[in-house]
Amino acid sequence: SVPFLVRLFPSLLTKFVYLNFLAFPFFVDFRRPELLVNNTISLYLTTEPGVTVGIWHTVPGSRGAEARGKDQRWFEEALADSHPVIIYLHGNGGTR
């Protein structure tokens, strides 16, 4: 019966192969990274109409004391300075 169900619902196969509907660890709010990772804030970028990409911006530990207690504007200005930016693509889990 499994091949028959996969034939009828091909999206079912991708859900069970990639398990992108699971968020691990369970019961963690990934929209509030400051509770999980030091010196981190959650931002959302609109790349084109109708497409919004969520990112976490983490400043290095050397700027940790400076970043503590700062608002979103400070983190956005930190992205604009001359320091390099490392982009980490997490995969298909749907969480950052």
N, C-alpha and C. Protein backbone atom coordinates (compact mmCIF):
# COMPACT_ATOMS: atom_id res chain seq x y z
N SER A 1 0.81 -1.20 0.00
CA SER A 1 0.00 0.00 0.00
C SER A 1 0.86 1.27 0.00
N VAL A 2 2.09 1.21 0.49
CA VAL A 2 2.96 2.40 0.54
C VAL A 2 3.28 2.90 -0.86
N PRO A 3 3.68 2.04 -1.81
CA PRO A 3 3.93 2.55 -3.17
C PRO A 3 2.69 3.19 -3.79
N PHE A 4 1.54 2.65 -3.50
CA PHE A 4 0.30 3.21 -4.03
C PHE A 4 0.05 4.61 -3.47
N LEU A 5 0.27 4.77 -2.17
CA LEU A 5 0.08 6.08 -1.54
C LEU A 5 1.10 7.10 -2.05
N VAL A 6 2.33 6.66 -2.27
CA VAL A 6 3.36 7.55 -2.81
C VAL A 6 3.01 7.97 -4.22
N ARG A 7 2.46 7.06 -4.98
CA ARG A 7 2.05 7.38 -6.36
C ARG A 7 0.91 8.41 -6.36
N LEU A 8 -0.02 8.27 -5.43
CA LEU A 8 -1.13 9.21 -5.35
C LEU A 8 -0.73 10.56 -4.76
N PHE A 9 0.15 10.52 -3.78
CA PHE A 9 0.56 11.73 -3.07
C PHE A 9 2.09 11.85 -3.05
N PRO A 10 2.71 12.31 -4.14
CA PRO A 10 4.18 12.38 -4.18
C PRO A 10 4.78 13.32 -3.12
N SER A 11 4.03 14.32 -2.69
CA SER A 11 4.57 15.22 -1.68
C SER A 11 4.73 14.50 -0.33
N LEU A 12 3.98 13.44 -0.15
CA LEU A 12 4.10 12.64 1.07
C LEU A 12 5.50 12.05 1.20
N LEU A 13 6.06 11.61 0.09
CA LEU A 13 7.39 11.03 0.10
C LEU A 13 8.44 12.06 0.54
N THR A 14 8.35 13.28 0.00
CA THR A 14 9.34 14.29 0.37
C THR A 14 9.21 14.67 1.84
N LYS A 15 8.00 14.67 2.37
CA LYS A 15 7.82 14.97 3.79
C LYS A 15 8.51 13.94 4.67
N PHE A 16 8.43 12.67 4.30
CA PHE A 16 9.01 11.63 5.15
C PHE A 16 10.49 11.39 4.87
N VAL A 17 10.96 11.76 3.71
CA VAL A 17 12.39 11.64 3.43
C VAL A 17 13.16 12.75 4.15
N TYR A 18 12.66 14.00 4.03
CA TYR A 18 13.39 15.14 4.58
C TYR A 18 12.93 15.52 5.99
N LEU A 19 11.75 15.10 6.40
CA LEU A 19 11.20 15.40 7.73
C LEU A 19 11.27 16.89 8.06
N ASN A 20 10.97 17.73 7.06
CA ASN A 20 11.09 19.17 7.27
C ASN A 20 9.93 19.76 8.07
N PHE A 21 9.01 18.94 8.50
CA PHE A 21 7.92 19.43 9.35
C PHE A 21 8.27 19.30 10.83
N LEU A 22 9.39 18.67 11.15
CA LEU A 22 9.83 18.53 12.54
C LEU A 22 10.78 19.66 12.91
N ALA A 23 10.61 20.20 14.08
CA ALA A 23 11.53 21.21 14.61
C ALA A 23 12.21 20.60 15.83
N PHE A 24 13.53 20.42 15.72
CA PHE A 24 14.27 19.80 16.80
C PHE A 24 15.31 20.78 17.32
N PRO A 25 15.50 20.97 18.55
CA PRO A 25 14.87 20.31 19.69
C PRO A 25 13.42 20.76 19.85
N PHE A 26 12.61 19.89 20.39
CA PHE A 26 11.20 20.14 20.55
C PHE A 26 10.94 21.21 21.61
N PHE A 27 9.84 21.92 21.47
CA PHE A 27 9.36 22.91 22.44
C PHE A 27 10.33 24.08 22.64
N VAL A 28 11.04 24.45 21.60
CA VAL A 28 11.94 25.60 21.65
C VAL A 28 11.42 26.63 20.66
N ASP A 29 11.36 27.88 21.08
CA ASP A 29 10.90 28.96 20.22
C ASP A 29 12.09 29.53 19.45
N PHE A 30 12.22 29.15 18.18
CA PHE A 30 13.35 29.58 17.37
C PHE A 30 13.22 31.03 16.91
N ARG A 31 12.07 31.67 17.18
CA ARG A 31 11.92 33.07 16.84
C ARG A 31 12.60 33.97 17.86
N ARG A 32 13.05 33.40 18.99
CA ARG A 32 13.72 34.15 20.05
C ARG A 32 15.12 33.57 20.28
N PRO A 33 16.04 33.77 19.33
CA PRO A 33 17.37 33.15 19.45
C PRO A 33 18.19 33.68 20.62
N GLU A 34 17.87 34.86 21.10
CA GLU A 34 18.64 35.41 22.22
C GLU A 34 18.52 34.55 23.47
N LEU A 35 17.48 33.71 23.53
CA LEU A 35 17.33 32.79 24.65
C LEU A 35 18.19 31.54 24.49
N LEU A 36 18.65 31.28 23.26
CA LEU A 36 19.42 30.07 22.96
C LEU A 36 20.90 30.35 22.73
N VAL A 37 21.19 31.43 22.01
CA VAL A 37 22.56 31.72 21.56
C VAL A 37 22.91 33.15 21.98
N ASN A 38 24.07 33.33 22.56
CA ASN A 38 24.50 34.67 22.97
C ASN A 38 24.74 35.57 21.76
N ASN A 39 24.49 36.86 21.93
CA ASN A 39 24.79 37.90 20.93
C ASN A 39 24.05 37.67 19.61
N THR A 40 22.81 37.20 19.66
CA THR A 40 22.06 36.83 18.46
C THR A 40 20.70 37.50 18.46
N ILE A 41 20.26 37.88 17.25
CA ILE A 41 18.94 38.47 17.08
C ILE A 41 18.31 37.88 15.81
N SER A 42 17.00 37.79 15.79
CA SER A 42 16.27 37.27 14.64
C SER A 42 15.83 38.44 13.76
N LEU A 43 16.15 38.37 12.47
CA LEU A 43 15.78 39.40 11.50
C LEU A 43 15.03 38.74 10.34
N TYR A 44 14.26 39.54 9.62
CA TYR A 44 13.54 39.05 8.45
C TYR A 44 13.84 39.98 7.28
N LEU A 45 14.26 39.40 6.16
CA LEU A 45 14.58 40.16 4.95
C LEU A 45 13.57 39.83 3.87
N THR A 46 13.08 40.86 3.17
CA THR A 46 12.19 40.65 2.04
C THR A 46 13.07 40.66 0.79
N THR A 47 13.21 39.51 0.14
CA THR A 47 14.09 39.40 -1.01
C THR A 47 13.41 39.80 -2.31
N GLU A 48 12.13 39.53 -2.41
CA GLU A 48 11.31 39.92 -3.55
C GLU A 48 9.86 39.90 -3.06
N PRO A 49 8.94 40.48 -3.81
CA PRO A 49 7.56 40.54 -3.33
C PRO A 49 7.02 39.14 -2.99
N GLY A 50 6.54 39.00 -1.79
CA GLY A 50 5.95 37.73 -1.36
C GLY A 50 6.94 36.73 -0.80
N VAL A 51 8.24 37.05 -0.78
CA VAL A 51 9.25 36.13 -0.27
C VAL A 51 10.00 36.80 0.89
N THR A 52 9.85 36.24 2.07
CA THR A 52 10.53 36.74 3.25
C THR A 52 11.45 35.65 3.79
N VAL A 53 12.69 36.02 4.06
CA VAL A 53 13.69 35.07 4.55
C VAL A 53 14.03 35.46 5.98
N GLY A 54 13.93 34.50 6.88
CA GLY A 54 14.31 34.74 8.27
C GLY A 54 15.77 34.41 8.48
N ILE A 55 16.47 35.26 9.21
CA ILE A 55 17.90 35.04 9.49
C ILE A 55 18.17 35.27 10.97
N TRP A 56 19.23 34.69 11.44
CA TRP A 56 19.78 35.02 12.74
C TRP A 56 21.08 35.76 12.50
N HIS A 57 21.23 36.88 13.15
CA HIS A 57 22.49 37.61 13.07
C HIS A 57 23.20 37.44 14.40
N THR A 58 24.36 36.82 14.36
CA THR A 58 25.17 36.60 15.55
C THR A 58 26.47 37.37 15.40
N VAL A 59 26.74 38.22 16.35
CA VAL A 59 28.01 38.95 16.32
C VAL A 59 29.07 38.10 17.02
N PRO A 60 30.34 38.28 16.68
CA PRO A 60 31.39 37.47 17.30
C PRO A 60 31.51 37.72 18.80
N GLY A 61 32.08 36.76 19.48
CA GLY A 61 32.25 36.86 20.92
C GLY A 61 33.05 38.08 21.34
N SER A 62 33.96 38.54 20.48
CA SER A 62 34.77 39.71 20.82
C SER A 62 33.93 40.98 20.93
N ARG A 63 32.75 40.97 20.29
CA ARG A 63 31.84 42.11 20.39
C ARG A 63 30.64 41.81 21.28
N GLY A 64 30.72 40.71 22.03
CA GLY A 64 29.61 40.27 22.86
C GLY A 64 29.21 41.27 23.92
N ALA A 65 30.18 41.83 24.61
CA ALA A 65 29.89 42.81 25.66
C ALA A 65 29.24 44.05 25.07
N GLU A 66 29.68 44.43 23.89
CA GLU A 66 29.12 45.59 23.21
C GLU A 66 27.69 45.33 22.74
N ALA A 67 27.39 44.09 22.34
CA ALA A 67 26.07 43.74 21.80
C ALA A 67 25.02 43.52 22.88
N ARG A 68 25.44 43.24 24.08
CA ARG A 68 24.50 42.91 25.16
C ARG A 68 23.52 44.05 25.41
N GLY A 69 22.23 43.75 25.30
CA GLY A 69 21.19 44.73 25.58
C GLY A 69 20.86 45.66 24.44
N LYS A 70 21.49 45.49 23.29
CA LYS A 70 21.25 46.38 22.15
C LYS A 70 19.98 45.96 21.41
N ASP A 71 19.43 46.91 20.65
CA ASP A 71 18.21 46.65 19.90
C ASP A 71 18.53 46.21 18.47
N GLN A 72 17.48 45.99 17.70
CA GLN A 72 17.63 45.49 16.32
C GLN A 72 18.42 46.47 15.47
N ARG A 73 18.26 47.76 15.66
CA ARG A 73 18.98 48.74 14.85
C ARG A 73 20.49 48.61 15.01
N TRP A 74 20.96 48.34 16.23
CA TRP A 74 22.40 48.18 16.45
C TRP A 74 22.92 46.98 15.66
N PHE A 75 22.18 45.88 15.67
CA PHE A 75 22.61 44.68 14.94
C PHE A 75 22.63 44.95 13.43
N GLU A 76 21.64 45.70 12.93
CA GLU A 76 21.62 46.02 11.50
C GLU A 76 22.81 46.90 11.12
N GLU A 77 23.17 47.84 11.98
CA GLU A 77 24.34 48.69 11.72
C GLU A 77 25.62 47.87 11.80
N ALA A 78 25.66 46.85 12.65
CA ALA A 78 26.84 45.99 12.75
C ALA A 78 27.05 45.20 11.47
N LEU A 79 25.96 44.91 10.76
CA LEU A 79 26.09 44.23 9.46
C LEU A 79 26.72 45.13 8.41
N ALA A 80 26.56 46.43 8.56
CA ALA A 80 27.04 47.38 7.55
C ALA A 80 28.50 47.78 7.74
N ASP A 81 29.16 47.34 8.80
CA ASP A 81 30.55 47.74 8.98
C ASP A 81 31.46 46.92 8.06
N SER A 82 32.75 47.14 8.16
CA SER A 82 33.70 46.55 7.21
C SER A 82 34.11 45.11 7.55
N HIS A 83 33.57 44.53 8.60
CA HIS A 83 33.93 43.17 8.97
C HIS A 83 33.27 42.16 8.02
N PRO A 84 33.93 41.03 7.78
CA PRO A 84 33.35 40.02 6.88
C PRO A 84 32.09 39.38 7.49
N VAL A 85 31.23 38.90 6.62
CA VAL A 85 30.00 38.22 7.02
C VAL A 85 30.09 36.78 6.57
N ILE A 86 29.81 35.85 7.46
CA ILE A 86 29.79 34.42 7.13
C ILE A 86 28.34 33.98 7.05
N ILE A 87 27.98 33.38 5.93
CA ILE A 87 26.61 32.90 5.74
C ILE A 87 26.62 31.39 5.91
N TYR A 88 25.79 30.93 6.81
CA TYR A 88 25.67 29.49 7.07
C TYR A 88 24.28 29.05 6.63
N LEU A 89 24.20 28.14 5.67
CA LEU A 89 22.93 27.62 5.18
C LEU A 89 22.65 26.33 5.91
N HIS A 90 21.60 26.32 6.70
CA HIS A 90 21.34 25.25 7.65
C HIS A 90 20.76 23.98 7.06
N GLY A 91 20.13 24.03 5.91
CA GLY A 91 19.54 22.82 5.33
C GLY A 91 18.04 22.93 5.21
N ASN A 92 17.38 21.79 5.29
CA ASN A 92 15.96 21.75 4.95
C ASN A 92 15.04 21.65 6.15
N GLY A 93 15.53 21.82 7.35
CA GLY A 93 14.72 21.59 8.54
C GLY A 93 13.65 22.63 8.81
N GLY A 94 13.68 23.75 8.14
CA GLY A 94 12.68 24.77 8.37
C GLY A 94 12.91 25.58 9.63
N THR A 95 14.02 25.33 10.33
CA THR A 95 14.35 26.10 11.53
C THR A 95 15.75 26.64 11.36
N ARG A 96 16.03 27.69 12.09
CA ARG A 96 17.37 28.24 12.04
C ARG A 96 18.15 27.75 13.22
